[in-house]
């Protein structure tokens, strides 16, 4: 090593030492250099070794702090190359707004996961093939009214995609999709196919499309082992119950797969739930 080399590198750290100090890879430090974020204090022309001093360590500290805030590297580069207070204030304000949006999205996802877990636990604990009377709350939903056969997987999937079309990337569907039969068809015992596909919405869902509000209602509900294709006998069971008690369907059914092939590979574990709004017959 020459005296000139020693003069340039005195008090400086080599790239490997800096990488260990900041718990970074050498590749990351080279990437920062390529992006114009971090120029070494000295590069040995013969060996290509890179050396870093107090200024570079300070810059790395700044980068580390800003990465914790999830600022993009391009914005960090803009700041570290200008060191402008007003610029940093604007960038931090923008990042705060972005983080707030992410927080709201994560809260929405968390609520949907809670709802899905509740449905799953309910399906696992449900007494199957038993009719219950419940008071269902008001519901918001997006509805696509087209006839579909439960055995036509392609047609059903196409309708689901139509409901999802154009929604935000962060819009999450977790067990809120279902199918329904019109009340007049239920009343006459016509259970051949479905009249609508629906998506139940939370209060916070920002759905880009027409939204219906269905009122709170007295309902009959039944859960059974199987899929939509095995639902007809259970509609018969519900219709018999209604006729025995002088009830009539007051709205389309809500049929939701609580456990299906998305959750389980075992068809013997599938559970589907049917809910029908009812009123006393006049």
C-alpha atoms as a PDB file:
ATOM      1  CA  UNK A   1       0.000   0.000   0.000  1.00  0.00           C
ATOM      2  CA  UNK A   2       1.441   3.383  -1.002  1.00  0.00           C
ATOM      3  CA  UNK A   3       1.768   6.377   1.235  1.00  0.00           C
ATOM      4  CA  UNK A   4      -0.623   8.241  -1.064  1.00  0.00           C
ATOM      5  CA  UNK A   5      -3.223   5.469  -0.689  1.00  0.00           C
ATOM      6  CA  UNK A   6      -2.840   5.504   3.088  1.00  0.00           C
ATOM      7  CA  UNK A   7      -3.243   9.268   3.071  1.00  0.00           C
ATOM      8  CA  UNK A   8      -6.560   9.029   1.212  1.00  0.00           C
ATOM      9  CA  UNK A   9      -7.966   6.178   3.309  1.00  0.00           C
ATOM     10  CA  UNK A  10      -6.853   7.264   6.768  1.00  0.00           C
ATOM     11  CA  UNK A  11      -9.845   7.334   9.101  1.00  0.00           C
ATOM     12  CA  UNK A  12     -12.110   5.736   6.488  1.00  0.00           C
ATOM     13  CA  UNK A  13     -13.966   2.427   6.642  1.00  0.00           C
ATOM     14  CA  UNK A  14     -13.984  -0.174   3.891  1.00  0.00           C
ATOM     15  CA  UNK A  15     -17.293  -1.199   2.349  1.00  0.00           C
ATOM     16  CA  UNK A  16     -17.447  -4.505   4.231  1.00  0.00           C
ATOM     17  CA  UNK A  17     -16.936  -2.757   7.560  1.00  0.00           C
ATOM     18  CA  UNK A  18     -19.715  -0.288   6.796  1.00  0.00           C
ATOM     19  CA  UNK A  19     -22.019  -3.109   5.694  1.00  0.00           C
ATOM     20  CA  UNK A  20     -21.502  -4.895   9.023  1.00  0.00           C
ATOM     21  CA  UNK A  21     -21.909  -1.668  10.987  1.00  0.00           C
ATOM     22  CA  UNK A  22     -25.326  -0.943   9.447  1.00  0.00           C
ATOM     23  CA  UNK A  23     -26.399  -4.579   9.065  1.00  0.00           C
ATOM     24  CA  UNK A  24     -26.590  -4.172   5.284  1.00  0.00           C
ATOM     25  CA  UNK A  25     -25.202  -6.224   2.457  1.00  0.00           C
ATOM     26  CA  UNK A  26     -22.340  -4.986   0.315  1.00  0.00           C
ATOM     27  CA  UNK A  27     -24.737  -5.293  -2.608  1.00  0.00           C
ATOM     28  CA  UNK A  28     -27.139  -2.848  -0.955  1.00  0.00           C
ATOM     29  CA  UNK A  29     -24.373  -0.273  -0.513  1.00  0.00           C
ATOM     30  CA  UNK A  30     -23.382  -0.681  -4.157  1.00  0.00           C
ATOM     31  CA  UNK A  31     -27.049  -0.283  -5.140  1.00  0.00           C
ATOM     32  CA  UNK A  32     -27.249   2.949  -3.148  1.00  0.00           C
ATOM     33  CA  UNK A  33     -24.166   4.155  -5.021  1.00  0.00           C
ATOM     34  CA  UNK A  34     -25.668   3.259  -8.410  1.00  0.00           C
ATOM     35  CA  UNK A  35     -28.819   5.190  -7.513  1.00  0.00           C
ATOM     36  CA  UNK A  36     -26.838   8.267  -6.547  1.00  0.00           C
ATOM     37  CA  UNK A  37     -27.797   7.931  -2.886  1.00  0.00           C
ATOM     38  CA  UNK A  38     -24.384   7.277  -1.417  1.00  0.00           C
ATOM     39  CA  UNK A  39     -21.072   8.200  -3.032  1.00  0.00           C
ATOM     40  CA  UNK A  40     -17.998   6.661  -1.340  1.00  0.00           C
ATOM     41  CA  UNK A  41     -15.507   9.082   0.113  1.00  0.00           C
ATOM     42  CA  UNK A  42     -12.768   7.365  -1.861  1.00  0.00           C
ATOM     43  CA  UNK A  43     -12.518   4.607  -4.479  1.00  0.00           C
ATOM     44  CA  UNK A  44      -9.152   2.974  -5.019  1.00  0.00           C
ATOM     45  CA  UNK A  45      -8.521   3.114  -8.751  1.00  0.00           C
ATOM     46  CA  UNK A  46      -6.386  -0.032  -8.752  1.00  0.00           C
ATOM     47  CA  UNK A  47      -8.448  -2.343  -6.561  1.00  0.00           C
ATOM     48  CA  UNK A  48     -11.899  -0.794  -6.829  1.00  0.00           C
ATOM     49  CA  UNK A  49     -12.177  -0.865  -3.031  1.00  0.00           C
ATOM     50  CA  UNK A  50     -14.623   1.663  -1.661  1.00  0.00           C
ATOM     51  CA  UNK A  51     -14.060   3.665   1.512  1.00  0.00           C
ATOM     52  CA  UNK A  52     -16.538   5.651   3.588  1.00  0.00           C
ATOM     53  CA  UNK A  53     -16.142   8.475   6.065  1.00  0.00           C
ATOM     54  CA  UNK A  54     -18.228  10.404   8.594  1.00  0.00           C
ATOM     55  CA  UNK A  55     -20.260  12.154   5.886  1.00  0.00           C
ATOM     56  CA  UNK A  56     -21.262   8.840   4.304  1.00  0.00           C
ATOM     57  CA  UNK A  57     -22.106   7.313   7.690  1.00  0.00           C
ATOM     58  CA  UNK A  58     -24.355  10.285   8.420  1.00  0.00           C
ATOM     59  CA  UNK A  59     -26.057   9.810   5.057  1.00  0.00           C
ATOM     60  CA  UNK A  60     -26.568   6.119   5.780  1.00  0.00           C
ATOM     61  CA  UNK A  61     -28.162   7.005   9.106  1.00  0.00           C
ATOM     62  CA  UNK A  62     -30.517   9.359   7.281  1.00  0.00           C
ATOM     63  CA  UNK A  63     -31.364   6.676   4.714  1.00  0.00           C
ATOM     64  CA  UNK A  64     -32.041   4.140   7.493  1.00  0.00           C
ATOM     65  CA  UNK A  65     -34.389   6.513   9.321  1.00  0.00           C
ATOM     66  CA  UNK A  66     -36.308   7.375   6.143  1.00  0.00           C
ATOM     67  CA  UNK A  67     -36.568   3.735   5.082  1.00  0.00           C
ATOM     68  CA  UNK A  68     -38.290   3.012   8.388  1.00  0.00           C
ATOM     69  CA  UNK A  69     -40.923   5.530   7.248  1.00  0.00           C
ATOM     70  CA  UNK A  70     -41.219   3.527   4.004  1.00  0.00           C
ATOM     71  CA  UNK A  71     -40.136   6.450   1.856  1.00  0.00           C
ATOM     72  CA  UNK A  72     -39.200   5.318  -1.673  1.00  0.00           C
ATOM     73  CA  UNK A  73     -35.494   5.394  -2.450  1.00  0.00           C
ATOM     74  CA  UNK A  74     -36.059   7.949  -5.217  1.00  0.00           C
ATOM     75  CA  UNK A  75     -37.503  10.434  -2.703  1.00  0.00           C
ATOM     76  CA  UNK A  76     -34.728   9.692  -0.229  1.00  0.00           C
ATOM     77  CA  UNK A  77     -32.166  10.396  -2.949  1.00  0.00           C
ATOM     78  CA  UNK A  78     -33.871  13.699  -3.704  1.00  0.00           C
ATOM     79  CA  UNK A  79     -33.544  14.717  -0.079  1.00  0.00           C
ATOM     80  CA  UNK A  80     -29.999  13.514   0.649  1.00  0.00           C
ATOM     81  CA  UNK A  81     -28.694  15.233  -2.473  1.00  0.00           C
ATOM     82  CA  UNK A  82     -30.338  18.571  -1.599  1.00  0.00           C
ATOM     83  CA  UNK A  83     -30.720  18.492   2.218  1.00  0.00           C
ATOM     84  CA  UNK A  84     -33.672  20.854   1.875  1.00  0.00           C
ATOM     85  CA  UNK A  85     -35.918  21.238   4.946  1.00  0.00           C
ATOM     86  CA  UNK A  86     -38.977  22.312   2.938  1.00  0.00           C
ATOM     87  CA  UNK A  87     -38.559  19.326   0.628  1.00  0.00           C
ATOM     88  CA  UNK A  88     -38.346  16.942   3.565  1.00  0.00           C
ATOM     89  CA  UNK A  89     -41.447  18.514   5.122  1.00  0.00           C
ATOM     90  CA  UNK A  90     -43.402  17.946   1.904  1.00  0.00           C
ATOM     91  CA  UNK A  91     -42.145  14.392   1.512  1.00  0.00           C
ATOM     92  CA  UNK A  92     -42.968  13.479   5.097  1.00  0.00           C
ATOM     93  CA  UNK A  93     -46.456  14.972   4.762  1.00  0.00           C
ATOM     94  CA  UNK A  94     -47.041  12.936   1.598  1.00  0.00           C
ATOM     95  CA  UNK A  95     -45.769   9.807   3.292  1.00  0.00           C
ATOM     96  CA  UNK A  96     -47.982  10.421   6.302  1.00  0.00           C
ATOM     97  CA  UNK A  97     -51.003  10.639   3.994  1.00  0.00           C
ATOM     98  CA  UNK A  98     -49.972   7.398   2.263  1.00  0.00           C
ATOM     99  CA  UNK A  99     -49.484   5.596   5.571  1.00  0.00           C
ATOM    100  CA  UNK A 100     -52.894   6.791   6.753  1.00  0.00           C
ATOM    101  CA  UNK A 101     -54.510   5.374   3.595  1.00  0.00           C
ATOM    102  CA  UNK A 102     -52.691   2.076   4.126  1.00  0.00           C
ATOM    103  CA  UNK A 103     -53.805   2.027   7.756  1.00  0.00           C
ATOM    104  CA  UNK A 104     -57.448   2.431   6.727  1.00  0.00           C
ATOM    105  CA  UNK A 105     -57.078  -0.306   4.121  1.00  0.00           C
ATOM    106  CA  UNK A 106     -55.483  -2.646   6.669  1.00  0.00           C
ATOM    107  CA  UNK A 107     -58.317  -1.938   9.105  1.00  0.00           C
ATOM    108  CA  UNK A 108     -60.835  -2.856   6.398  1.00  0.00           C
ATOM    109  CA  UNK A 109     -58.954  -6.052   5.614  1.00  0.00           C
ATOM    110  CA  UNK A 110     -58.760  -6.878   9.322  1.00  0.00           C
ATOM    111  CA  UNK A 111     -62.526  -6.475   9.705  1.00  0.00           C
ATOM    112  CA  UNK A 112     -63.109  -8.744   6.714  1.00  0.00           C
ATOM    113  CA  UNK A 113     -60.797 -11.356   8.175  1.00  0.00           C
ATOM    114  CA  UNK A 114     -62.699 -11.124  11.481  1.00  0.00           C
ATOM    115  CA  UNK A 115     -65.981 -11.587   9.608  1.00  0.00           C
ATOM    116  CA  UNK A 116     -64.599 -14.515   7.624  1.00  0.00           C
ATOM    117  CA  UNK A 117     -63.296 -16.155  10.786  1.00  0.00           C
ATOM    118  CA  UNK A 118     -66.715 -15.722  12.409  1.00  0.00           C
ATOM    119  CA  UNK A 119     -68.400 -17.356   9.396  1.00  0.00           C
ATOM    120  CA  UNK A 120     -65.886 -20.200   9.413  1.00  0.00           C
ATOM    121  CA  UNK A 121     -66.267 -20.832  13.141  1.00  0.00           C
ATOM    122  CA  UNK A 122     -70.031 -20.667  12.749  1.00  0.00           C
ATOM    123  CA  UNK A 123     -69.867 -23.233   9.944  1.00  0.00           C
ATOM    124  CA  UNK A 124     -67.725 -25.572  12.038  1.00  0.00           C
ATOM    125  CA  UNK A 125     -70.063 -25.244  15.040  1.00  0.00           C
ATOM    126  CA  UNK A 126     -73.361 -25.150  13.145  1.00  0.00           C
ATOM    127  CA  UNK A 127     -76.073 -27.733  13.736  1.00  0.00           C
ATOM    128  CA  UNK A 128     -76.651 -28.813  10.168  1.00  0.00           C
ATOM    129  CA  UNK A 129     -80.031 -29.366   8.471  1.00  0.00           C
ATOM    130  CA  UNK A 130     -81.785 -27.414  11.219  1.00  0.00           C
ATOM    131  CA  UNK A 131     -83.907 -24.329  10.500  1.00  0.00           C
ATOM    132  CA  UNK A 132     -83.503 -21.293  12.725  1.00  0.00           C
ATOM    133  CA  UNK A 133     -85.409 -18.013  12.822  1.00  0.00           C
ATOM    134  CA  UNK A 134     -83.117 -14.992  13.066  1.00  0.00           C
ATOM    135  CA  UNK A 135     -83.371 -11.215  12.842  1.00  0.00           C
ATOM    136  CA  UNK A 136     -80.970 -10.191  10.106  1.00  0.00           C
ATOM    137  CA  UNK A 137     -79.605  -6.623  10.110  1.00  0.00           C
ATOM    138  CA  UNK A 138     -79.810  -4.181   7.212  1.00  0.00           C
ATOM    139  CA  UNK A 139     -77.468  -5.191   4.405  1.00  0.00           C
ATOM    140  CA  UNK A 140     -75.574  -3.320   1.707  1.00  0.00           C
ATOM    141  CA  UNK A 141     -74.834  -5.320  -1.393  1.00  0.00           C
ATOM    142  CA  UNK A 142     -73.855  -5.165  -5.030  1.00  0.00           C
ATOM    143  CA  UNK A 143     -76.112  -7.357  -7.159  1.00  0.00           C
ATOM    144  CA  UNK A 144     -75.894  -8.786 -10.665  1.00  0.00           C
ATOM    145  CA  UNK A 145     -79.282 -10.114 -11.788  1.00  0.00           C
ATOM    146  CA  UNK A 146     -78.804 -12.858 -14.322  1.00  0.00           C
ATOM    147  CA  UNK A 147     -79.951 -16.461 -14.304  1.00  0.00           C
ATOM    148  CA  UNK A 148     -77.181 -18.940 -13.623  1.00  0.00           C
ATOM    149  CA  UNK A 149     -77.090 -22.696 -13.154  1.00  0.00           C
ATOM    150  CA  UNK A 150     -75.238 -23.789  -9.990  1.00  0.00           C
ATOM    151  CA  UNK A 151     -73.453 -26.525 -11.939  1.00  0.00           C
ATOM    152  CA  UNK A 152     -72.199 -24.056 -14.586  1.00  0.00           C
ATOM    153  CA  UNK A 153     -68.936 -23.038 -12.900  1.00  0.00           C
ATOM    154  CA  UNK A 154     -67.863 -20.867 -15.828  1.00  0.00           C
ATOM    155  CA  UNK A 155     -71.068 -18.776 -15.861  1.00  0.00           C
ATOM    156  CA  UNK A 156     -70.982 -18.316 -12.095  1.00  0.00           C
ATOM    157  CA  UNK A 157     -67.325 -17.287 -12.184  1.00  0.00           C
ATOM    158  CA  UNK A 158     -68.055 -14.825 -15.021  1.00  0.00           C
ATOM    159  CA  UNK A 159     -70.753 -13.127 -12.937  1.00  0.00           C
ATOM    160  CA  UNK A 160     -68.432 -12.917  -9.939  1.00  0.00           C
ATOM    161  CA  UNK A 161     -65.796 -11.279 -12.140  1.00  0.00           C
ATOM    162  CA  UNK A 162     -68.372  -8.721 -13.296  1.00  0.00           C
ATOM    163  CA  UNK A 163     -68.987  -7.707  -9.673  1.00  0.00           C
ATOM    164  CA  UNK A 164     -65.239  -7.432  -9.086  1.00  0.00           C
ATOM    165  CA  UNK A 165     -64.535  -5.572 -12.322  1.00  0.00           C
ATOM    166  CA  UNK A 166     -63.098  -2.087 -11.936  1.00  0.00           C
ATOM    167  CA  UNK A 167     -62.722  -2.242  -8.151  1.00  0.00           C
ATOM    168  CA  UNK A 168     -59.696  -0.939  -6.272  1.00  0.00           C
ATOM    169  CA  UNK A 169     -56.772  -3.355  -6.037  1.00  0.00           C
ATOM    170  CA  UNK A 170     -57.161  -3.237  -2.269  1.00  0.00           C
ATOM    171  CA  UNK A 171     -60.839  -4.247  -2.424  1.00  0.00           C
ATOM    172  CA  UNK A 172     -61.012  -7.600  -0.654  1.00  0.00           C
ATOM    173  CA  UNK A 173     -63.533 -10.402  -1.157  1.00  0.00           C
ATOM    174  CA  UNK A 174     -63.504 -12.812   1.771  1.00  0.00           C
ATOM    175  CA  UNK A 175     -66.555 -15.041   1.926  1.00  0.00           C
ATOM    176  CA  UNK A 176     -69.019 -12.257   1.044  1.00  0.00           C
ATOM    177  CA  UNK A 177     -70.052 -13.578  -2.372  1.00  0.00           C
ATOM    178  CA  UNK A 178     -73.248 -15.546  -2.781  1.00  0.00           C
ATOM    179  CA  UNK A 179     -76.204 -16.399  -4.983  1.00  0.00           C
ATOM    180  CA  UNK A 180     -79.935 -15.939  -4.566  1.00  0.00           C
ATOM    181  CA  UNK A 181     -83.330 -17.122  -5.809  1.00  0.00           C
ATOM    182  CA  UNK A 182     -86.183 -14.659  -6.313  1.00  0.00           C
ATOM    183  CA  UNK A 183     -88.938 -14.820  -3.642  1.00  0.00           C
ATOM    184  CA  UNK A 184     -91.724 -15.629  -6.111  1.00  0.00           C
ATOM    185  CA  UNK A 185     -89.796 -18.673  -7.328  1.00  0.00           C
ATOM    186  CA  UNK A 186     -89.108 -19.835  -3.778  1.00  0.00           C
ATOM    187  CA  UNK A 187     -92.815 -19.550  -2.993  1.00  0.00           C
ATOM    188  CA  UNK A 188     -93.750 -21.805  -5.925  1.00  0.00           C
ATOM    189  CA  UNK A 189     -91.011 -24.358  -5.243  1.00  0.00           C
ATOM    190  CA  UNK A 190     -88.934 -23.487  -8.305  1.00  0.00           C
ATOM    191  CA  UNK A 191     -85.337 -23.937  -7.227  1.00  0.00           C
ATOM    192  CA  UNK A 192     -83.838 -24.592 -10.667  1.00  0.00           C
ATOM    193  CA  UNK A 193     -80.939 -22.153 -10.931  1.00  0.00           C
ATOM    194  CA  UNK A 194     -80.308 -18.742  -9.410  1.00  0.00           C
ATOM    195  CA  UNK A 195     -81.582 -15.281 -10.282  1.00  0.00           C
ATOM    196  CA  UNK A 196     -78.733 -13.189  -8.907  1.00  0.00           C
ATOM    197  CA  UNK A 197     -75.166 -13.128  -7.717  1.00  0.00           C
ATOM    198  CA  UNK A 198     -74.447 -10.693  -4.901  1.00  0.00           C
ATOM    199  CA  UNK A 199     -71.574  -9.244  -2.935  1.00  0.00           C
ATOM    200  CA  UNK A 200     -72.218  -8.263   0.680  1.00  0.00           C
ATOM    201  CA  UNK A 201     -70.535  -4.972   1.556  1.00  0.00           C
ATOM    202  CA  UNK A 202     -69.224  -3.588   4.826  1.00  0.00           C
ATOM    203  CA  UNK A 203     -70.112  -0.043   5.849  1.00  0.00           C
ATOM    204  CA  UNK A 204     -66.588   1.026   4.972  1.00  0.00           C
ATOM    205  CA  UNK A 205     -66.463  -0.638   1.538  1.00  0.00           C
ATOM    206  CA  UNK A 206     -66.037   1.926  -1.214  1.00  0.00           C
ATOM    207  CA  UNK A 207     -67.675  -0.087  -3.981  1.00  0.00           C
ATOM    208  CA  UNK A 208     -67.445   1.419  -7.452  1.00  0.00           C
ATOM    209  CA  UNK A 209     -70.887   0.607  -8.804  1.00  0.00           C
ATOM    210  CA  UNK A 210     -74.558   0.402  -7.891  1.00  0.00           C
ATOM    211  CA  UNK A 211     -75.244  -0.560  -4.293  1.00  0.00           C
ATOM    212  CA  UNK A 212     -78.551  -1.831  -2.888  1.00  0.00           C
ATOM    213  CA  UNK A 213     -79.663  -1.554   0.720  1.00  0.00           C
ATOM    214  CA  UNK A 214     -81.818  -4.448   1.881  1.00  0.00           C
ATOM    215  CA  UNK A 215     -83.773  -3.766   5.065  1.00  0.00           C
ATOM    216  CA  UNK A 216     -83.458  -5.602   8.333  1.00  0.00           C
ATOM    217  CA  UNK A 217     -85.725  -8.613   8.232  1.00  0.00           C
ATOM    218  CA  UNK A 218     -87.029 -11.674   9.983  1.00  0.00           C
ATOM    219  CA  UNK A 219     -85.309 -14.608   8.291  1.00  0.00           C
ATOM    220  CA  UNK A 220     -85.138 -18.364   8.183  1.00  0.00           C
ATOM    221  CA  UNK A 221     -81.690 -19.887   7.875  1.00  0.00           C
ATOM    222  CA  UNK A 222     -80.340 -23.384   7.386  1.00  0.00           C
ATOM    223  CA  UNK A 223     -76.811 -24.736   6.965  1.00  0.00           C
ATOM    224  CA  UNK A 224     -76.099 -28.017   5.216  1.00  0.00           C
ATOM    225  CA  UNK A 225     -73.220 -30.213   4.193  1.00  0.00           C
ATOM    226  CA  UNK A 226     -72.539 -29.649   0.507  1.00  0.00           C
ATOM    227  CA  UNK A 227     -72.329 -27.012  -2.216  1.00  0.00           C
ATOM    228  CA  UNK A 228     -74.757 -24.854  -4.177  1.00  0.00           C
ATOM    229  CA  UNK A 229     -75.505 -27.856  -6.365  1.00  0.00           C
ATOM    230  CA  UNK A 230     -76.981 -29.712  -3.383  1.00  0.00           C
ATOM    231  CA  UNK A 231     -79.155 -26.815  -2.161  1.00  0.00           C
ATOM    232  CA  UNK A 232     -82.557 -27.719  -3.680  1.00  0.00           C
ATOM    233  CA  UNK A 233     -83.691 -30.222  -0.973  1.00  0.00           C
ATOM    234  CA  UNK A 234     -82.912 -27.650   1.695  1.00  0.00           C
ATOM    235  CA  UNK A 235     -85.006 -25.033  -0.075  1.00  0.00           C
ATOM    236  CA  UNK A 236     -87.787 -27.642  -0.009  1.00  0.00           C
ATOM    237  CA  UNK A 237     -87.236 -27.970   3.724  1.00  0.00           C
ATOM    238  CA  UNK A 238     -87.456 -24.201   4.168  1.00  0.00           C
ATOM    239  CA  UNK A 239     -90.585 -23.947   2.006  1.00  0.00           C
ATOM    240  CA  UNK A 240     -92.325 -26.691   4.027  1.00  0.00           C
ATOM    241  CA  UNK A 241     -91.428 -24.829   7.225  1.00  0.00           C
ATOM    242  CA  UNK A 242     -92.906 -21.606   5.793  1.00  0.00           C
ATOM    243  CA  UNK A 243     -96.122 -23.249   4.687  1.00  0.00           C
ATOM    244  CA  UNK A 244     -96.605 -24.926   8.066  1.00  0.00           C
ATOM    245  CA  UNK A 245     -96.276 -21.543   9.812  1.00  0.00           C
ATOM    246  CA  UNK A 246     -98.124 -19.371   7.310  1.00  0.00           C
ATOM    247  CA  UNK A 247     -94.979 -17.544   6.198  1.00  0.00           C
ATOM    248  CA  UNK A 248     -94.023 -16.292   2.754  1.00  0.00           C
ATOM    249  CA  UNK A 249     -90.664 -15.239   1.232  1.00  0.00           C
ATOM    250  CA  UNK A 250     -90.163 -11.472   1.492  1.00  0.00           C
ATOM    251  CA  UNK A 251     -87.025 -11.157  -0.601  1.00  0.00           C
ATOM    252  CA  UNK A 252     -84.425 -13.130  -2.510  1.00  0.00           C
ATOM    253  CA  UNK A 253     -82.536 -15.843  -0.694  1.00  0.00           C
ATOM    254  CA  UNK A 254     -78.926 -15.377   0.361  1.00  0.00           C
ATOM    255  CA  UNK A 255     -76.944 -18.534  -0.253  1.00  0.00           C
ATOM    256  CA  UNK A 256     -73.283 -18.435   0.773  1.00  0.00           C
ATOM    257  CA  UNK A 257     -70.632 -21.147   0.764  1.00  0.00           C
ATOM    258  CA  UNK A 258     -69.104 -21.051   4.250  1.00  0.00           C
ATOM    259  CA  UNK A 259     -66.629 -23.848   3.550  1.00  0.00           C
ATOM    260  CA  UNK A 260     -65.851 -24.691  -0.065  1.00  0.00           C
ATOM    261  CA  UNK A 261     -63.005 -25.777  -2.333  1.00  0.00           C
ATOM    262  CA  UNK A 262     -61.175 -22.500  -1.650  1.00  0.00           C
ATOM    263  CA  UNK A 263     -60.761 -23.530   1.987  1.00  0.00           C
ATOM    264  CA  UNK A 264     -60.800 -27.331   1.876  1.00  0.00           C
ATOM    265  CA  UNK A 265     -59.807 -30.105  -0.530  1.00  0.00           C
ATOM    266  CA  UNK A 266     -62.250 -32.454   1.187  1.00  0.00           C
ATOM    267  CA  UNK A 267     -65.809 -32.186  -0.244  1.00  0.00           C
ATOM    268  CA  UNK A 268     -67.208 -33.896   2.854  1.00  0.00           C
ATOM    269  CA  UNK A 269     -66.341 -30.770   4.860  1.00  0.00           C
ATOM    270  CA  UNK A 270     -68.155 -28.271   2.592  1.00  0.00           C
ATOM    271  CA  UNK A 271     -70.879 -26.235   4.288  1.00  0.00           C
ATOM    272  CA  UNK A 272     -73.374 -23.912   2.596  1.00  0.00           C
ATOM    273  CA  UNK A 273     -75.864 -21.606   4.299  1.00  0.00           C
ATOM    274  CA  UNK A 274     -79.239 -20.437   2.963  1.00  0.00           C
ATOM    275  CA  UNK A 275     -81.037 -17.442   4.463  1.00  0.00           C
ATOM    276  CA  UNK A 276     -84.522 -16.356   3.336  1.00  0.00           C
ATOM    277  CA  UNK A 277     -86.343 -13.181   4.512  1.00  0.00           C
ATOM    278  CA  UNK A 278     -89.937 -13.985   5.484  1.00  0.00           C
ATOM    279  CA  UNK A 279     -93.176 -12.271   6.509  1.00  0.00           C
ATOM    280  CA  UNK A 280     -96.466 -13.607   7.757  1.00  0.00           C
ATOM    281  CA  UNK A 281     -98.785 -14.469   4.870  1.00  0.00           C
ATOM    282  CA  UNK A 282    -101.803 -12.201   4.423  1.00  0.00           C
END
